[in-house]
């Protein structure tokens, strides 16, 4: 039995599909029953909050492996601590954690620090572990939907800086491998997409996929942060994104590798592939 936390997130949804297609016994945990209602009936569900010990106990009972997605807004990482404690008691053998590339290159960012602290909790537990450390997600471009529909534009704080976004399905493919095959224990995999692109290049690719013009409008990082603040985004998230935008704009965020293909034997999706798959989400 494999437990998946974060099963309704971008990576979690893809992972559930991939593991379920292989007939792997699965359990998901979610705070919202409605969000997991459409899953295959053979997928077990635990409805509750992982900050609650009883929920954590129910989630790990009879489980051998866990895919862990840390809660970003969780003071003291209470949910991770509880899950690890109960996993040890239940005899769980292996945790695969969704982390971030920032634990390698950006420990002075709040998001990088948060994920590294989560990794250290698992390392200190004695459980076998695998860390998946992706860079920016292709699905982050879904944040553009509102301004594309209202203004026909994407507002870009990163200038001509490049990064190599990765499709959530490719992260899930590596997670599937780590959860179902041996030899990945004690490994940390930095994961990116196959090409480093500027935001302007991403917008052009998306525009071609949608068959309609989209403007890419450069704005200062301070203005982008103000827009997030007015939209009600928490300070922690704004600080983390501001750090990322600065790195990319300065030209220090264009790391790219081919780990997805090396590990899975399958070509990683290009941004064009992903845009065409998700075309309806932008229309």
C-alpha atoms as a PDB file:
ATOM      1  CA  UNK A   1       0.000   0.000   0.000  1.00  0.00           C
ATOM      2  CA  UNK A   2       1.224   3.479  -0.944  1.00  0.00           C
ATOM      3  CA  UNK A   3      -0.036   6.612   0.788  1.00  0.00           C
ATOM      4  CA  UNK A   4      -0.171   9.824  -1.252  1.00  0.00           C
ATOM      5  CA  UNK A   5      -0.436  13.165   0.502  1.00  0.00           C
ATOM      6  CA  UNK A   6      -1.128  16.222  -1.625  1.00  0.00           C
ATOM      7  CA  UNK A   7      -3.191  13.990  -3.896  1.00  0.00           C
ATOM      8  CA  UNK A   8      -5.244  16.896  -5.257  1.00  0.00           C
ATOM      9  CA  UNK A   9      -2.204  19.021  -6.182  1.00  0.00           C
ATOM     10  CA  UNK A  10      -0.572  19.297  -9.593  1.00  0.00           C
ATOM     11  CA  UNK A  11       1.873  16.437  -9.009  1.00  0.00           C
ATOM     12  CA  UNK A  12      -0.352  14.387  -6.714  1.00  0.00           C
ATOM     13  CA  UNK A  13      -3.181  14.153  -9.242  1.00  0.00           C
ATOM     14  CA  UNK A  14      -0.785  12.894 -11.907  1.00  0.00           C
ATOM     15  CA  UNK A  15       0.800  10.415  -9.499  1.00  0.00           C
ATOM     16  CA  UNK A  16      -2.550   8.931  -8.503  1.00  0.00           C
ATOM     17  CA  UNK A  17      -3.382   8.410 -12.189  1.00  0.00           C
ATOM     18  CA  UNK A  18      -0.066   6.751 -12.967  1.00  0.00           C
ATOM     19  CA  UNK A  19       0.009   4.429  -9.967  1.00  0.00           C
ATOM     20  CA  UNK A  20      -3.682   3.529 -10.282  1.00  0.00           C
ATOM     21  CA  UNK A  21      -3.134   2.660 -13.956  1.00  0.00           C
ATOM     22  CA  UNK A  22      -0.539   0.126 -12.772  1.00  0.00           C
ATOM     23  CA  UNK A  23      -3.011  -1.365 -10.283  1.00  0.00           C
ATOM     24  CA  UNK A  24      -0.932  -0.320  -7.265  1.00  0.00           C
ATOM     25  CA  UNK A  25      -2.926  -0.308  -3.991  1.00  0.00           C
ATOM     26  CA  UNK A  26      -3.319   3.343  -3.036  1.00  0.00           C
ATOM     27  CA  UNK A  27      -4.565   5.495  -0.202  1.00  0.00           C
ATOM     28  CA  UNK A  28      -4.939   9.260  -0.370  1.00  0.00           C
ATOM     29  CA  UNK A  29      -5.472  11.753   2.418  1.00  0.00           C
ATOM     30  CA  UNK A  30      -7.376  14.982   1.865  1.00  0.00           C
ATOM     31  CA  UNK A  31      -9.135  17.603   3.940  1.00  0.00           C
ATOM     32  CA  UNK A  32     -11.865  17.905   1.307  1.00  0.00           C
ATOM     33  CA  UNK A  33     -13.959  14.830   0.549  1.00  0.00           C
ATOM     34  CA  UNK A  34     -15.348  16.397  -2.624  1.00  0.00           C
ATOM     35  CA  UNK A  35     -11.896  16.822  -4.164  1.00  0.00           C
ATOM     36  CA  UNK A  36     -11.207  13.067  -4.098  1.00  0.00           C
ATOM     37  CA  UNK A  37     -14.747  11.882  -4.806  1.00  0.00           C
ATOM     38  CA  UNK A  38     -14.064  11.177  -8.482  1.00  0.00           C
ATOM     39  CA  UNK A  39     -11.121   8.854  -7.868  1.00  0.00           C
ATOM     40  CA  UNK A  40     -11.318   5.198  -8.815  1.00  0.00           C
ATOM     41  CA  UNK A  41     -13.312   3.327  -6.167  1.00  0.00           C
ATOM     42  CA  UNK A  42     -10.369   1.083  -5.376  1.00  0.00           C
ATOM     43  CA  UNK A  43      -8.348   4.079  -4.151  1.00  0.00           C
ATOM     44  CA  UNK A  44      -8.768   4.310  -0.364  1.00  0.00           C
ATOM     45  CA  UNK A  45      -9.485   7.724   1.148  1.00  0.00           C
ATOM     46  CA  UNK A  46      -8.745   9.248   4.537  1.00  0.00           C
ATOM     47  CA  UNK A  47     -10.523  12.550   5.073  1.00  0.00           C
ATOM     48  CA  UNK A  48      -8.928  14.790   7.641  1.00  0.00           C
ATOM     49  CA  UNK A  49      -6.129  17.170   8.532  1.00  0.00           C
ATOM     50  CA  UNK A  50      -2.612  15.761   8.834  1.00  0.00           C
ATOM     51  CA  UNK A  51      -1.969  18.140  11.731  1.00  0.00           C
ATOM     52  CA  UNK A  52      -4.298  15.819  13.667  1.00  0.00           C
ATOM     53  CA  UNK A  53      -2.640  12.705  15.069  1.00  0.00           C
ATOM     54  CA  UNK A  54      -5.689  10.483  14.566  1.00  0.00           C
ATOM     55  CA  UNK A  55      -5.755  11.379  10.879  1.00  0.00           C
ATOM     56  CA  UNK A  56      -2.039  10.631  10.540  1.00  0.00           C
ATOM     57  CA  UNK A  57      -2.520   7.257  12.268  1.00  0.00           C
ATOM     58  CA  UNK A  58      -5.390   6.304   9.968  1.00  0.00           C
ATOM     59  CA  UNK A  59      -3.408   7.451   6.928  1.00  0.00           C
ATOM     60  CA  UNK A  60      -0.314   5.299   7.591  1.00  0.00           C
ATOM     61  CA  UNK A  61      -1.968   2.129   8.884  1.00  0.00           C
ATOM     62  CA  UNK A  62      -0.823  -0.788   6.709  1.00  0.00           C
ATOM     63  CA  UNK A  63       1.243   1.482   4.448  1.00  0.00           C
ATOM     64  CA  UNK A  64       4.704   0.537   3.165  1.00  0.00           C
ATOM     65  CA  UNK A  65       5.622   3.703   1.247  1.00  0.00           C
ATOM     66  CA  UNK A  66       4.586   7.354   1.390  1.00  0.00           C
ATOM     67  CA  UNK A  67       4.646  10.158  -1.144  1.00  0.00           C
ATOM     68  CA  UNK A  68       4.913  13.271   1.017  1.00  0.00           C
ATOM     69  CA  UNK A  69       3.977  16.797   0.025  1.00  0.00           C
ATOM     70  CA  UNK A  70       4.735  19.240   2.839  1.00  0.00           C
ATOM     71  CA  UNK A  71       2.206  21.886   3.789  1.00  0.00           C
ATOM     72  CA  UNK A  72       3.730  25.257   2.938  1.00  0.00           C
ATOM     73  CA  UNK A  73       1.890  27.130   5.678  1.00  0.00           C
ATOM     74  CA  UNK A  74       2.452  24.844   8.654  1.00  0.00           C
ATOM     75  CA  UNK A  75       4.201  26.412  11.624  1.00  0.00           C
ATOM     76  CA  UNK A  76       6.880  24.108  13.005  1.00  0.00           C
ATOM     77  CA  UNK A  77       6.093  21.612  10.217  1.00  0.00           C
ATOM     78  CA  UNK A  78       3.628  19.932  12.541  1.00  0.00           C
ATOM     79  CA  UNK A  79       2.023  17.805   9.835  1.00  0.00           C
ATOM     80  CA  UNK A  80       5.350  16.406   8.604  1.00  0.00           C
ATOM     81  CA  UNK A  81       6.515  15.661  12.140  1.00  0.00           C
ATOM     82  CA  UNK A  82       3.307  13.816  13.014  1.00  0.00           C
ATOM     83  CA  UNK A  83       3.301  11.837   9.779  1.00  0.00           C
ATOM     84  CA  UNK A  84       6.920  10.768  10.242  1.00  0.00           C
ATOM     85  CA  UNK A  85       6.313   9.757  13.861  1.00  0.00           C
ATOM     86  CA  UNK A  86       3.276   7.680  12.964  1.00  0.00           C
ATOM     87  CA  UNK A  87       5.006   6.231   9.906  1.00  0.00           C
ATOM     88  CA  UNK A  88       7.779   4.911  12.155  1.00  0.00           C
ATOM     89  CA  UNK A  89       5.239   3.357  14.526  1.00  0.00           C
ATOM     90  CA  UNK A  90       3.323   1.784  11.633  1.00  0.00           C
ATOM     91  CA  UNK A  91       6.397   0.212  10.033  1.00  0.00           C
ATOM     92  CA  UNK A  92       6.509   2.353   6.902  1.00  0.00           C
ATOM     93  CA  UNK A  93       9.704   1.579   4.988  1.00  0.00           C
ATOM     94  CA  UNK A  94      10.250   4.441   2.543  1.00  0.00           C
ATOM     95  CA  UNK A  95       9.241   8.091   2.093  1.00  0.00           C
ATOM     96  CA  UNK A  96       9.476   9.871  -1.248  1.00  0.00           C
ATOM     97  CA  UNK A  97       9.314  13.609  -0.593  1.00  0.00           C
ATOM     98  CA  UNK A  98       8.409  16.288  -3.105  1.00  0.00           C
ATOM     99  CA  UNK A  99      11.016  18.938  -2.362  1.00  0.00           C
ATOM    100  CA  UNK A 100      12.541  21.718  -4.477  1.00  0.00           C
ATOM    101  CA  UNK A 101      15.666  22.486  -6.468  1.00  0.00           C
ATOM    102  CA  UNK A 102      16.050  25.360  -4.020  1.00  0.00           C
ATOM    103  CA  UNK A 103      17.503  23.014  -1.405  1.00  0.00           C
ATOM    104  CA  UNK A 104      20.565  22.788  -3.663  1.00  0.00           C
ATOM    105  CA  UNK A 105      20.949  26.337  -4.922  1.00  0.00           C
ATOM    106  CA  UNK A 106      18.771  28.627  -2.806  1.00  0.00           C
ATOM    107  CA  UNK A 107      18.935  27.807   0.885  1.00  0.00           C
ATOM    108  CA  UNK A 108      18.755  31.517   1.608  1.00  0.00           C
ATOM    109  CA  UNK A 109      15.219  31.549   0.181  1.00  0.00           C
ATOM    110  CA  UNK A 110      12.297  30.806   2.532  1.00  0.00           C
ATOM    111  CA  UNK A 111      10.959  28.019   0.329  1.00  0.00           C
ATOM    112  CA  UNK A 112      14.391  26.401  -0.055  1.00  0.00           C
ATOM    113  CA  UNK A 113      14.918  26.503   3.728  1.00  0.00           C
ATOM    114  CA  UNK A 114      11.473  25.082   4.424  1.00  0.00           C
ATOM    115  CA  UNK A 115      11.978  22.094   2.156  1.00  0.00           C
ATOM    116  CA  UNK A 116      15.490  21.407   3.409  1.00  0.00           C
ATOM    117  CA  UNK A 117      14.206  21.374   6.988  1.00  0.00           C
ATOM    118  CA  UNK A 118      11.569  18.864   5.881  1.00  0.00           C
ATOM    119  CA  UNK A 119      14.226  16.723   4.243  1.00  0.00           C
ATOM    120  CA  UNK A 120      16.274  16.786   7.439  1.00  0.00           C
ATOM    121  CA  UNK A 121      13.293  15.585   9.482  1.00  0.00           C
ATOM    122  CA  UNK A 122      13.072  12.518   7.246  1.00  0.00           C
ATOM    123  CA  UNK A 123      16.839  11.942   7.214  1.00  0.00           C
ATOM    124  CA  UNK A 124      16.902  12.038  11.003  1.00  0.00           C
ATOM    125  CA  UNK A 125      14.043   9.561  11.335  1.00  0.00           C
ATOM    126  CA  UNK A 126      16.005   6.553  10.089  1.00  0.00           C
ATOM    127  CA  UNK A 127      13.426   5.831   7.375  1.00  0.00           C
ATOM    128  CA  UNK A 128      14.604   5.198   3.830  1.00  0.00           C
ATOM    129  CA  UNK A 129      14.057   8.269   1.688  1.00  0.00           C
ATOM    130  CA  UNK A 130      14.124   9.687  -1.809  1.00  0.00           C
ATOM    131  CA  UNK A 131      13.936  13.435  -2.457  1.00  0.00           C
ATOM    132  CA  UNK A 132      12.531  14.847  -5.687  1.00  0.00           C
ATOM    133  CA  UNK A 133      13.810  18.382  -6.253  1.00  0.00           C
ATOM    134  CA  UNK A 134      12.079  19.962  -9.266  1.00  0.00           C
ATOM    135  CA  UNK A 135      12.541  23.509 -10.465  1.00  0.00           C
ATOM    136  CA  UNK A 136       9.627  25.664 -11.647  1.00  0.00           C
ATOM    137  CA  UNK A 137       6.478  23.826 -12.734  1.00  0.00           C
ATOM    138  CA  UNK A 138       4.945  24.294 -16.180  1.00  0.00           C
ATOM    139  CA  UNK A 139       1.601  24.415 -14.394  1.00  0.00           C
ATOM    140  CA  UNK A 140       2.652  27.699 -12.758  1.00  0.00           C
ATOM    141  CA  UNK A 141       1.657  29.307 -16.047  1.00  0.00           C
ATOM    142  CA  UNK A 142      -1.969  28.621 -15.112  1.00  0.00           C
ATOM    143  CA  UNK A 143      -1.579  31.703 -12.917  1.00  0.00           C
ATOM    144  CA  UNK A 144      -1.678  33.680 -16.167  1.00  0.00           C
ATOM    145  CA  UNK A 145      -5.229  32.595 -17.037  1.00  0.00           C
ATOM    146  CA  UNK A 146      -6.913  35.591 -15.421  1.00  0.00           C
ATOM    147  CA  UNK A 147      -4.909  38.295 -17.194  1.00  0.00           C
ATOM    148  CA  UNK A 148      -4.894  36.386 -20.484  1.00  0.00           C
ATOM    149  CA  UNK A 149      -8.687  36.342 -20.429  1.00  0.00           C
ATOM    150  CA  UNK A 150      -9.154  39.902 -19.151  1.00  0.00           C
ATOM    151  CA  UNK A 151      -6.273  41.725 -20.853  1.00  0.00           C
ATOM    152  CA  UNK A 152      -4.808  39.351 -23.420  1.00  0.00           C
ATOM    153  CA  UNK A 153      -1.513  39.684 -21.584  1.00  0.00           C
ATOM    154  CA  UNK A 154       1.010  38.042 -19.282  1.00  0.00           C
ATOM    155  CA  UNK A 155       2.935  40.298 -16.901  1.00  0.00           C
ATOM    156  CA  UNK A 156       6.562  39.290 -16.608  1.00  0.00           C
ATOM    157  CA  UNK A 157       8.879  40.275 -13.719  1.00  0.00           C
ATOM    158  CA  UNK A 158      11.818  38.152 -14.913  1.00  0.00           C
ATOM    159  CA  UNK A 159      12.942  40.078 -17.983  1.00  0.00           C
ATOM    160  CA  UNK A 160      14.971  37.912 -20.356  1.00  0.00           C
ATOM    161  CA  UNK A 161      16.022  35.454 -17.651  1.00  0.00           C
ATOM    162  CA  UNK A 162      15.558  31.771 -18.401  1.00  0.00           C
ATOM    163  CA  UNK A 163      14.565  28.686 -16.430  1.00  0.00           C
ATOM    164  CA  UNK A 164      13.590  25.137 -17.433  1.00  0.00           C
ATOM    165  CA  UNK A 165      10.006  24.436 -16.294  1.00  0.00           C
ATOM    166  CA  UNK A 166       8.965  20.835 -15.773  1.00  0.00           C
ATOM    167  CA  UNK A 167       5.602  19.160 -16.380  1.00  0.00           C
ATOM    168  CA  UNK A 168       3.972  17.804 -13.184  1.00  0.00           C
ATOM    169  CA  UNK A 169       3.362  14.528 -14.999  1.00  0.00           C
ATOM    170  CA  UNK A 170       7.104  14.060 -15.438  1.00  0.00           C
ATOM    171  CA  UNK A 171       7.722  14.647 -11.741  1.00  0.00           C
ATOM    172  CA  UNK A 172       5.013  12.066 -11.061  1.00  0.00           C
ATOM    173  CA  UNK A 173       6.717   9.604 -13.419  1.00  0.00           C
ATOM    174  CA  UNK A 174       9.922   9.813 -11.381  1.00  0.00           C
ATOM    175  CA  UNK A 175       7.897   9.513  -8.154  1.00  0.00           C
ATOM    176  CA  UNK A 176       6.185   6.409  -9.534  1.00  0.00           C
ATOM    177  CA  UNK A 177       9.576   4.865 -10.237  1.00  0.00           C
ATOM    178  CA  UNK A 178      10.931   5.710  -6.785  1.00  0.00           C
ATOM    179  CA  UNK A 179       7.810   4.319  -5.078  1.00  0.00           C
ATOM    180  CA  UNK A 180       7.647   1.055  -7.009  1.00  0.00           C
ATOM    181  CA  UNK A 181      11.253   0.099  -7.787  1.00  0.00           C
ATOM    182  CA  UNK A 182      14.284  -0.464  -5.601  1.00  0.00           C
ATOM    183  CA  UNK A 183      17.566   1.396  -5.863  1.00  0.00           C
ATOM    184  CA  UNK A 184      16.295   4.929  -5.254  1.00  0.00           C
ATOM    185  CA  UNK A 185      16.720   4.951  -1.494  1.00  0.00           C
ATOM    186  CA  UNK A 186      19.068   7.666  -0.251  1.00  0.00           C
ATOM    187  CA  UNK A 187      18.936   9.499  -3.593  1.00  0.00           C
ATOM    188  CA  UNK A 188      18.032  13.131  -4.255  1.00  0.00           C
ATOM    189  CA  UNK A 189      17.042  13.934  -7.822  1.00  0.00           C
ATOM    190  CA  UNK A 190      17.136  17.465  -9.213  1.00  0.00           C
ATOM    191  CA  UNK A 191      14.482  17.594 -11.939  1.00  0.00           C
ATOM    192  CA  UNK A 192      13.890  20.112 -14.731  1.00  0.00           C
ATOM    193  CA  UNK A 193      12.203  20.253 -18.078  1.00  0.00           C
ATOM    194  CA  UNK A 194      14.183  19.711 -21.290  1.00  0.00           C
ATOM    195  CA  UNK A 195      14.643  23.363 -22.280  1.00  0.00           C
ATOM    196  CA  UNK A 196      15.461  26.678 -20.605  1.00  0.00           C
ATOM    197  CA  UNK A 197      13.035  29.380 -21.729  1.00  0.00           C
ATOM    198  CA  UNK A 198      12.356  33.025 -21.039  1.00  0.00           C
ATOM    199  CA  UNK A 199       8.837  34.009 -20.026  1.00  0.00           C
ATOM    200  CA  UNK A 200       8.511  35.741 -23.390  1.00  0.00           C
ATOM    201  CA  UNK A 201       9.346  32.456 -25.160  1.00  0.00           C
ATOM    202  CA  UNK A 202       6.835  30.594 -23.001  1.00  0.00           C
ATOM    203  CA  UNK A 203       4.132  33.141 -23.825  1.00  0.00           C
ATOM    204  CA  UNK A 204       4.856  32.821 -27.544  1.00  0.00           C
ATOM    205  CA  UNK A 205       4.611  29.021 -27.343  1.00  0.00           C
ATOM    206  CA  UNK A 206       1.341  29.258 -25.412  1.00  0.00           C
ATOM    207  CA  UNK A 207      -0.018  31.823 -27.867  1.00  0.00           C
ATOM    208  CA  UNK A 208       0.707  29.477 -30.777  1.00  0.00           C
ATOM    209  CA  UNK A 209      -0.933  26.548 -28.943  1.00  0.00           C
ATOM    210  CA  UNK A 210      -4.066  28.593 -28.250  1.00  0.00           C
ATOM    211  CA  UNK A 211      -4.160  30.154 -31.695  1.00  0.00           C
ATOM    212  CA  UNK A 212      -4.586  33.664 -30.333  1.00  0.00           C
ATOM    213  CA  UNK A 213      -2.239  36.579 -29.608  1.00  0.00           C
ATOM    214  CA  UNK A 214      -0.977  37.111 -26.051  1.00  0.00           C
ATOM    215  CA  UNK A 215       1.170  40.077 -25.078  1.00  0.00           C
ATOM    216  CA  UNK A 216       4.115  39.661 -22.727  1.00  0.00           C
ATOM    217  CA  UNK A 217       4.485  42.843 -20.688  1.00  0.00           C
ATOM    218  CA  UNK A 218       7.629  43.362 -18.616  1.00  0.00           C
ATOM    219  CA  UNK A 219       7.053  44.806 -15.138  1.00  0.00           C
ATOM    220  CA  UNK A 220       9.391  45.469 -12.197  1.00  0.00           C
ATOM    221  CA  UNK A 221       9.657  42.759  -9.563  1.00  0.00           C
ATOM    222  CA  UNK A 222       8.366  45.223  -6.970  1.00  0.00           C
ATOM    223  CA  UNK A 223       5.193  45.750  -9.001  1.00  0.00           C
ATOM    224  CA  UNK A 224       4.657  41.994  -9.378  1.00  0.00           C
ATOM    225  CA  UNK A 225       5.025  41.615  -5.597  1.00  0.00           C
ATOM    226  CA  UNK A 226       2.513  44.420  -5.011  1.00  0.00           C
ATOM    227  CA  UNK A 227       0.023  42.711  -7.330  1.00  0.00           C
ATOM    228  CA  UNK A 228       0.331  39.505  -5.303  1.00  0.00           C
ATOM    229  CA  UNK A 229      -0.072  41.386  -2.050  1.00  0.00           C
ATOM    230  CA  UNK A 230      -3.253  43.088  -3.298  1.00  0.00           C
ATOM    231  CA  UNK A 231      -4.556  39.673  -4.360  1.00  0.00           C
ATOM    232  CA  UNK A 232      -4.156  38.472  -0.773  1.00  0.00           C
ATOM    233  CA  UNK A 233      -1.103  36.220  -1.204  1.00  0.00           C
ATOM    234  CA  UNK A 234       0.692  35.520   2.096  1.00  0.00           C
ATOM    235  CA  UNK A 235       4.019  37.238   2.770  1.00  0.00           C
ATOM    236  CA  UNK A 236       5.918  33.946   2.883  1.00  0.00           C
ATOM    237  CA  UNK A 237       4.855  33.111  -0.672  1.00  0.00           C
ATOM    238  CA  UNK A 238       5.575  36.607  -1.964  1.00  0.00           C
ATOM    239  CA  UNK A 239       9.053  36.505  -0.436  1.00  0.00           C
ATOM    240  CA  UNK A 240       9.769  33.114  -2.007  1.00  0.00           C
ATOM    241  CA  UNK A 241       8.561  34.145  -5.458  1.00  0.00           C
ATOM    242  CA  UNK A 242      10.444  37.437  -5.303  1.00  0.00           C
ATOM    243  CA  UNK A 243      13.626  35.504  -4.572  1.00  0.00           C
ATOM    244  CA  UNK A 244      12.981  33.205  -7.546  1.00  0.00           C
ATOM    245  CA  UNK A 245      12.187  36.086  -9.900  1.00  0.00           C
ATOM    246  CA  UNK A 246      15.399  37.865  -8.936  1.00  0.00           C
ATOM    247  CA  UNK A 247      17.514  34.755  -9.522  1.00  0.00           C
ATOM    248  CA  UNK A 248      16.022  34.160 -12.950  1.00  0.00           C
ATOM    249  CA  UNK A 249      16.230  37.815 -13.973  1.00  0.00           C
ATOM    250  CA  UNK A 250      19.900  37.918 -12.933  1.00  0.00           C
ATOM    251  CA  UNK A 251      20.619  34.858 -15.078  1.00  0.00           C
ATOM    252  CA  UNK A 252      21.282  32.434 -12.217  1.00  0.00           C
ATOM    253  CA  UNK A 253      18.154  30.305 -12.592  1.00  0.00           C
ATOM    254  CA  UNK A 254      18.767  28.634 -15.944  1.00  0.00           C
ATOM    255  CA  UNK A 255      19.885  25.241 -14.619  1.00  0.00           C
ATOM    256  CA  UNK A 256      18.673  22.381 -16.799  1.00  0.00           C
ATOM    257  CA  UNK A 257      19.205  18.626 -16.792  1.00  0.00           C
ATOM    258  CA  UNK A 258      17.880  15.446 -18.388  1.00  0.00           C
ATOM    259  CA  UNK A 259      17.242  13.454 -15.211  1.00  0.00           C
ATOM    260  CA  UNK A 260      13.642  12.655 -16.161  1.00  0.00           C
ATOM    261  CA  UNK A 261      14.718  10.847 -19.320  1.00  0.00           C
ATOM    262  CA  UNK A 262      17.719   9.223 -17.623  1.00  0.00           C
ATOM    263  CA  UNK A 263      15.593   7.813 -14.839  1.00  0.00           C
ATOM    264  CA  UNK A 264      12.399   6.888 -16.663  1.00  0.00           C
ATOM    265  CA  UNK A 265      13.721   6.193 -20.155  1.00  0.00           C
ATOM    266  CA  UNK A 266      11.055   8.538 -21.576  1.00  0.00           C
ATOM    267  CA  UNK A 267      11.530  11.984 -23.078  1.00  0.00           C
ATOM    268  CA  UNK A 268      10.398  14.755 -20.781  1.00  0.00           C
ATOM    269  CA  UNK A 269       7.543  16.914 -22.052  1.00  0.00           C
ATOM    270  CA  UNK A 270       8.423  20.191 -23.692  1.00  0.00           C
ATOM    271  CA  UNK A 271       6.524  23.325 -22.739  1.00  0.00           C
ATOM    272  CA  UNK A 272       4.792  23.115 -26.119  1.00  0.00           C
ATOM    273  CA  UNK A 273       3.664  19.550 -25.342  1.00  0.00           C
ATOM    274  CA  UNK A 274       2.226  20.677 -22.017  1.00  0.00           C
ATOM    275  CA  UNK A 275       0.470  23.737 -23.460  1.00  0.00           C
ATOM    276  CA  UNK A 276      -1.276  21.640 -26.078  1.00  0.00           C
ATOM    277  CA  UNK A 277      -2.332  19.084 -23.439  1.00  0.00           C
ATOM    278  CA  UNK A 278      -3.742  21.835 -21.208  1.00  0.00           C
ATOM    279  CA  UNK A 279      -5.066  24.112 -23.958  1.00  0.00           C
ATOM    280  CA  UNK A 280      -8.637  24.059 -22.628  1.00  0.00           C
ATOM    281  CA  UNK A 281      -7.517  25.419 -19.247  1.00  0.00           C
ATOM    282  CA  UNK A 282      -6.590  28.747 -20.860  1.00  0.00           C
ATOM    283  CA  UNK A 283      -9.698  29.218 -23.033  1.00  0.00           C
END
